[in-house]
Amino acid sequence: MGFLQRGFAYGNRRGFAIPLYVPELKVEEQIQYNTFVGLSGDTGGKKWAGQHFFIPPDRKIATLAFYLVKMGTPTGDVTFTIKTYPDGIVLNSKVWGDASDVPTDIPVLVWTEAEFDTPILIDTIRQVRMIVEFSGGDGENQIALCRQDGGSVKPDEEFVMDVEGSDPTSEAAYRYKYWE
């Protein structure tokens, strides 16, 4: 067993190991919600929704999560995506899983989170949309995204969806984890 300068031991029975530095994941989130928006993906229905905002530079985004709840018995892929705005270039995307596995508990207390296979580095300040996509439901079988309606929670952020566009008085309940 070896000792560092301050007397902390490190190593194992067979030899010495240098302690590895593992950078801590930081969190950016908006956790407030008072309503839901359903995603069904059927003709004329919403296929995606999420949050539109600026990401500061030098963040390597590892995960994306939303407060989601299942309504009825939807099936089909639930996908989490980060796109640039206004051009819509996909920076990263991950299929979370099947909609049948989305929680049903209300109030929603558990994040539905996807870890990206390859974290994406945002090297300059970027305007993005972090969204959840679903297209396997109908009017009775949906996944619902939690959102705060009736007043902005975080300055310069807004709720977005494919059918109605953006709503500066609402915000999605989202969380992403990143390294700096």
Protein backbone atom coordinates (compact mmCIF):
# COMPACT_ATOMS: atom_id res chain seq x y z
CA MET A 1 0.00 0.00 0.00
CA GLY A 2 1.42 3.38 -0.95
CA PHE A 3 0.85 6.77 0.58
CA LEU A 4 0.22 10.08 -1.09
CA GLN A 5 1.63 13.32 0.31
CA ARG A 6 -1.28 13.82 2.69
CA GLY A 7 -1.17 10.28 4.01
CA PHE A 8 -4.04 8.78 2.02
CA ALA A 9 -3.44 5.20 1.02
CA TYR A 10 -3.89 3.91 -2.50
CA GLY A 11 -3.04 0.72 -4.34
CA ASN A 12 -3.96 -2.94 -4.02
CA ARG A 13 -2.40 -6.20 -2.82
CA ARG A 14 -0.40 -6.77 -5.99
CA GLY A 15 1.08 -3.35 -6.46
CA PHE A 16 0.39 0.28 -6.69
CA ALA A 17 -2.16 2.12 -8.77
CA ILE A 18 -2.37 5.80 -9.46
CA PRO A 19 -5.83 7.07 -8.58
CA LEU A 20 -7.78 7.87 -11.74
CA TYR A 21 -9.44 11.23 -12.12
CA VAL A 22 -13.03 10.81 -13.23
CA PRO A 23 -14.61 14.15 -14.07
CA GLU A 24 -17.88 14.84 -12.33
CA LEU A 25 -21.01 15.08 -14.44
CA LYS A 26 -22.75 18.41 -13.97
CA VAL A 27 -26.50 18.92 -14.32
CA GLU A 28 -28.62 21.52 -16.11
CA GLU A 29 -32.36 21.13 -15.52
CA GLN A 30 -35.80 22.62 -15.35
CA ILE A 31 -37.90 20.49 -12.98
CA GLN A 32 -41.12 22.45 -12.57
CA TYR A 33 -44.30 21.30 -14.26
CA ASN A 34 -48.04 21.81 -13.88
CA THR A 35 -49.45 20.22 -17.06
CA PHE A 36 -48.71 17.74 -19.84
CA VAL A 37 -48.61 17.72 -23.63
CA GLY A 38 -49.45 14.42 -25.32
CA LEU A 39 -47.39 12.99 -28.17
CA SER A 40 -49.29 10.55 -30.35
CA GLY A 41 -47.68 10.83 -33.75
CA ASP A 42 -50.93 10.09 -35.55
CA THR A 43 -52.05 12.19 -38.51
CA GLY A 44 -52.33 15.78 -37.36
CA GLY A 45 -50.99 14.86 -33.91
CA LYS A 46 -47.81 15.94 -32.20
CA LYS A 47 -44.72 13.87 -32.96
CA TRP A 48 -42.16 15.76 -30.88
CA ALA A 49 -41.83 18.38 -28.14
CA GLY A 50 -39.09 19.75 -25.91
CA GLN A 51 -37.07 22.79 -24.92
CA HIS A 52 -35.41 25.50 -27.04
CA PHE A 53 -32.45 27.41 -25.57
CA PHE A 54 -28.78 28.37 -25.85
CA ILE A 55 -26.12 25.96 -24.57
CA PRO A 56 -22.94 27.61 -23.27
CA PRO A 57 -19.67 26.58 -24.96
CA ASP A 58 -17.39 23.75 -23.85
CA ARG A 59 -20.06 21.36 -22.62
CA LYS A 60 -19.85 17.70 -23.53
CA ILE A 61 -23.41 16.41 -23.22
CA ALA A 62 -23.66 12.82 -21.98
CA THR A 63 -27.35 12.32 -21.14
CA LEU A 64 -30.77 13.80 -21.82
CA ALA A 65 -33.87 13.22 -19.72
CA PHE A 66 -37.48 14.33 -19.57
CA TYR A 67 -40.36 13.87 -17.16
CA LEU A 68 -42.62 11.57 -19.20
CA VAL A 69 -45.80 9.66 -18.41
CA LYS A 70 -47.59 6.98 -20.41
CA MET A 71 -51.30 7.38 -21.21
CA GLY A 72 -53.14 4.30 -22.44
CA THR A 73 -51.02 1.56 -24.01
CA PRO A 74 -48.68 3.21 -26.53
CA THR A 75 -45.99 1.22 -28.32
CA GLY A 76 -43.11 2.33 -30.51
CA ASP A 77 -39.72 3.96 -30.12
CA VAL A 78 -39.20 6.95 -27.84
CA THR A 79 -36.20 8.93 -29.09
CA PHE A 80 -34.29 11.77 -27.41
CA THR A 81 -32.63 14.19 -29.82
CA ILE A 82 -30.50 17.35 -29.72
CA LYS A 83 -30.84 19.52 -32.85
CA THR A 84 -29.35 22.86 -33.80
CA TYR A 85 -31.73 25.72 -34.40
CA PRO A 86 -32.86 27.03 -36.86
CA ASP A 87 -31.33 24.56 -39.35
CA GLY A 88 -32.38 21.36 -37.53
CA ILE A 89 -29.06 19.52 -37.83
CA VAL A 90 -29.06 16.49 -35.50
CA LEU A 91 -26.14 16.76 -33.06
CA ASN A 92 -27.01 13.60 -31.15
CA SER A 93 -29.88 11.17 -30.91
CA LYS A 94 -30.65 8.06 -28.88
CA VAL A 95 -33.59 5.65 -28.89
CA TRP A 96 -34.54 5.44 -25.21
CA GLY A 97 -36.73 2.39 -25.65
CA ASP A 98 -40.34 1.38 -26.21
CA ALA A 99 -43.20 3.64 -25.13
CA SER A 100 -44.76 0.73 -23.24
CA ASP A 101 -41.90 1.08 -20.70
CA VAL A 102 -42.56 4.77 -19.93
CA PRO A 103 -43.79 5.18 -16.31
CA THR A 104 -47.49 5.71 -15.56
CA ASP A 105 -47.10 7.35 -12.14
CA ILE A 106 -48.61 10.80 -11.61
CA PRO A 107 -47.12 12.95 -10.20
CA VAL A 108 -44.07 12.13 -12.27
CA LEU A 109 -41.06 11.81 -9.97
CA VAL A 110 -38.64 9.76 -12.07
CA TRP A 111 -36.63 11.01 -15.04
CA THR A 112 -36.86 9.05 -18.28
CA GLU A 113 -33.21 9.35 -19.26
CA ALA A 114 -31.10 8.30 -22.25
CA GLU A 115 -27.32 8.10 -22.20
CA PHE A 116 -25.82 8.97 -25.57
CA ASP A 117 -23.49 6.39 -27.11
CA THR A 118 -21.02 9.17 -27.93
CA PRO A 119 -21.31 12.38 -25.91
CA ILE A 120 -21.45 15.51 -28.08
CA LEU A 121 -19.14 18.47 -27.47
CA ILE A 122 -20.76 21.88 -27.83
CA ASP A 123 -17.63 23.94 -28.51
CA THR A 124 -19.27 27.31 -29.17
CA ILE A 125 -22.46 28.84 -27.82
CA ARG A 126 -25.27 27.06 -29.68
CA GLN A 127 -28.98 27.54 -30.05
CA VAL A 128 -30.52 24.06 -29.74
CA ARG A 129 -33.71 22.13 -29.31
CA MET A 130 -33.64 19.17 -26.95
CA ILE A 131 -36.66 17.09 -27.83
CA VAL A 132 -38.46 13.80 -27.23
CA GLU A 133 -39.90 12.15 -30.35
CA PHE A 134 -42.66 9.53 -30.57
CA SER A 135 -44.81 8.41 -33.47
CA GLY A 136 -46.37 5.11 -32.49
CA GLY A 137 -49.58 6.17 -30.78
CA ASP A 138 -53.01 7.56 -31.42
CA GLY A 139 -55.49 9.81 -29.62
CA GLU A 140 -55.95 7.31 -26.77
CA ASN A 141 -52.42 5.89 -26.53
CA GLN A 142 -49.75 8.53 -26.03
CA ILE A 143 -46.73 9.53 -24.07
CA ALA A 144 -47.01 12.89 -22.35
CA LEU A 145 -44.21 15.36 -21.69
CA CYS A 146 -44.46 17.38 -18.48
CA ARG A 147 -44.24 21.14 -18.87
CA GLN A 148 -44.61 24.32 -16.84
CA ASP A 149 -47.35 26.48 -18.34
CA GLY A 150 -48.28 30.08 -17.66
CA GLY A 151 -44.94 31.73 -17.02
CA SER A 152 -41.31 31.34 -17.92
CA VAL A 153 -39.11 29.57 -15.37
CA LYS A 154 -35.71 30.08 -17.00
CA PRO A 155 -34.91 33.24 -18.96
CA ASP A 156 -34.28 32.81 -22.69
CA GLU A 157 -35.75 29.30 -22.79
CA GLU A 158 -39.06 28.14 -24.23
CA PHE A 159 -41.20 25.10 -24.89
CA VAL A 160 -41.35 23.88 -28.51
CA MET A 161 -43.41 21.31 -30.41
CA ASP A 162 -43.86 20.35 -34.02
CA VAL A 163 -47.54 21.27 -34.44
CA GLU A 164 -47.98 24.57 -32.58
CA GLY A 165 -44.37 25.79 -32.71
CA SER A 166 -42.79 27.59 -29.75
CA ASP A 167 -44.39 28.91 -26.58
CA PRO A 168 -42.26 31.43 -24.64
CA THR A 169 -44.62 31.21 -21.62
CA SER A 170 -44.08 27.44 -21.16
CA GLU A 171 -41.08 25.22 -20.48
CA ALA A 172 -40.48 21.49 -20.73
CA ALA A 173 -39.34 19.57 -17.66
CA TYR A 174 -35.90 18.42 -18.82
CA ARG A 175 -32.45 17.57 -17.56
CA TYR A 176 -29.14 17.02 -19.26
CA LYS A 177 -25.82 15.98 -17.79
CA TYR A 178 -22.50 17.21 -19.13
CA TRP A 179 -18.79 17.55 -18.56
CA GLU A 180 -16.88 20.82 -18.86
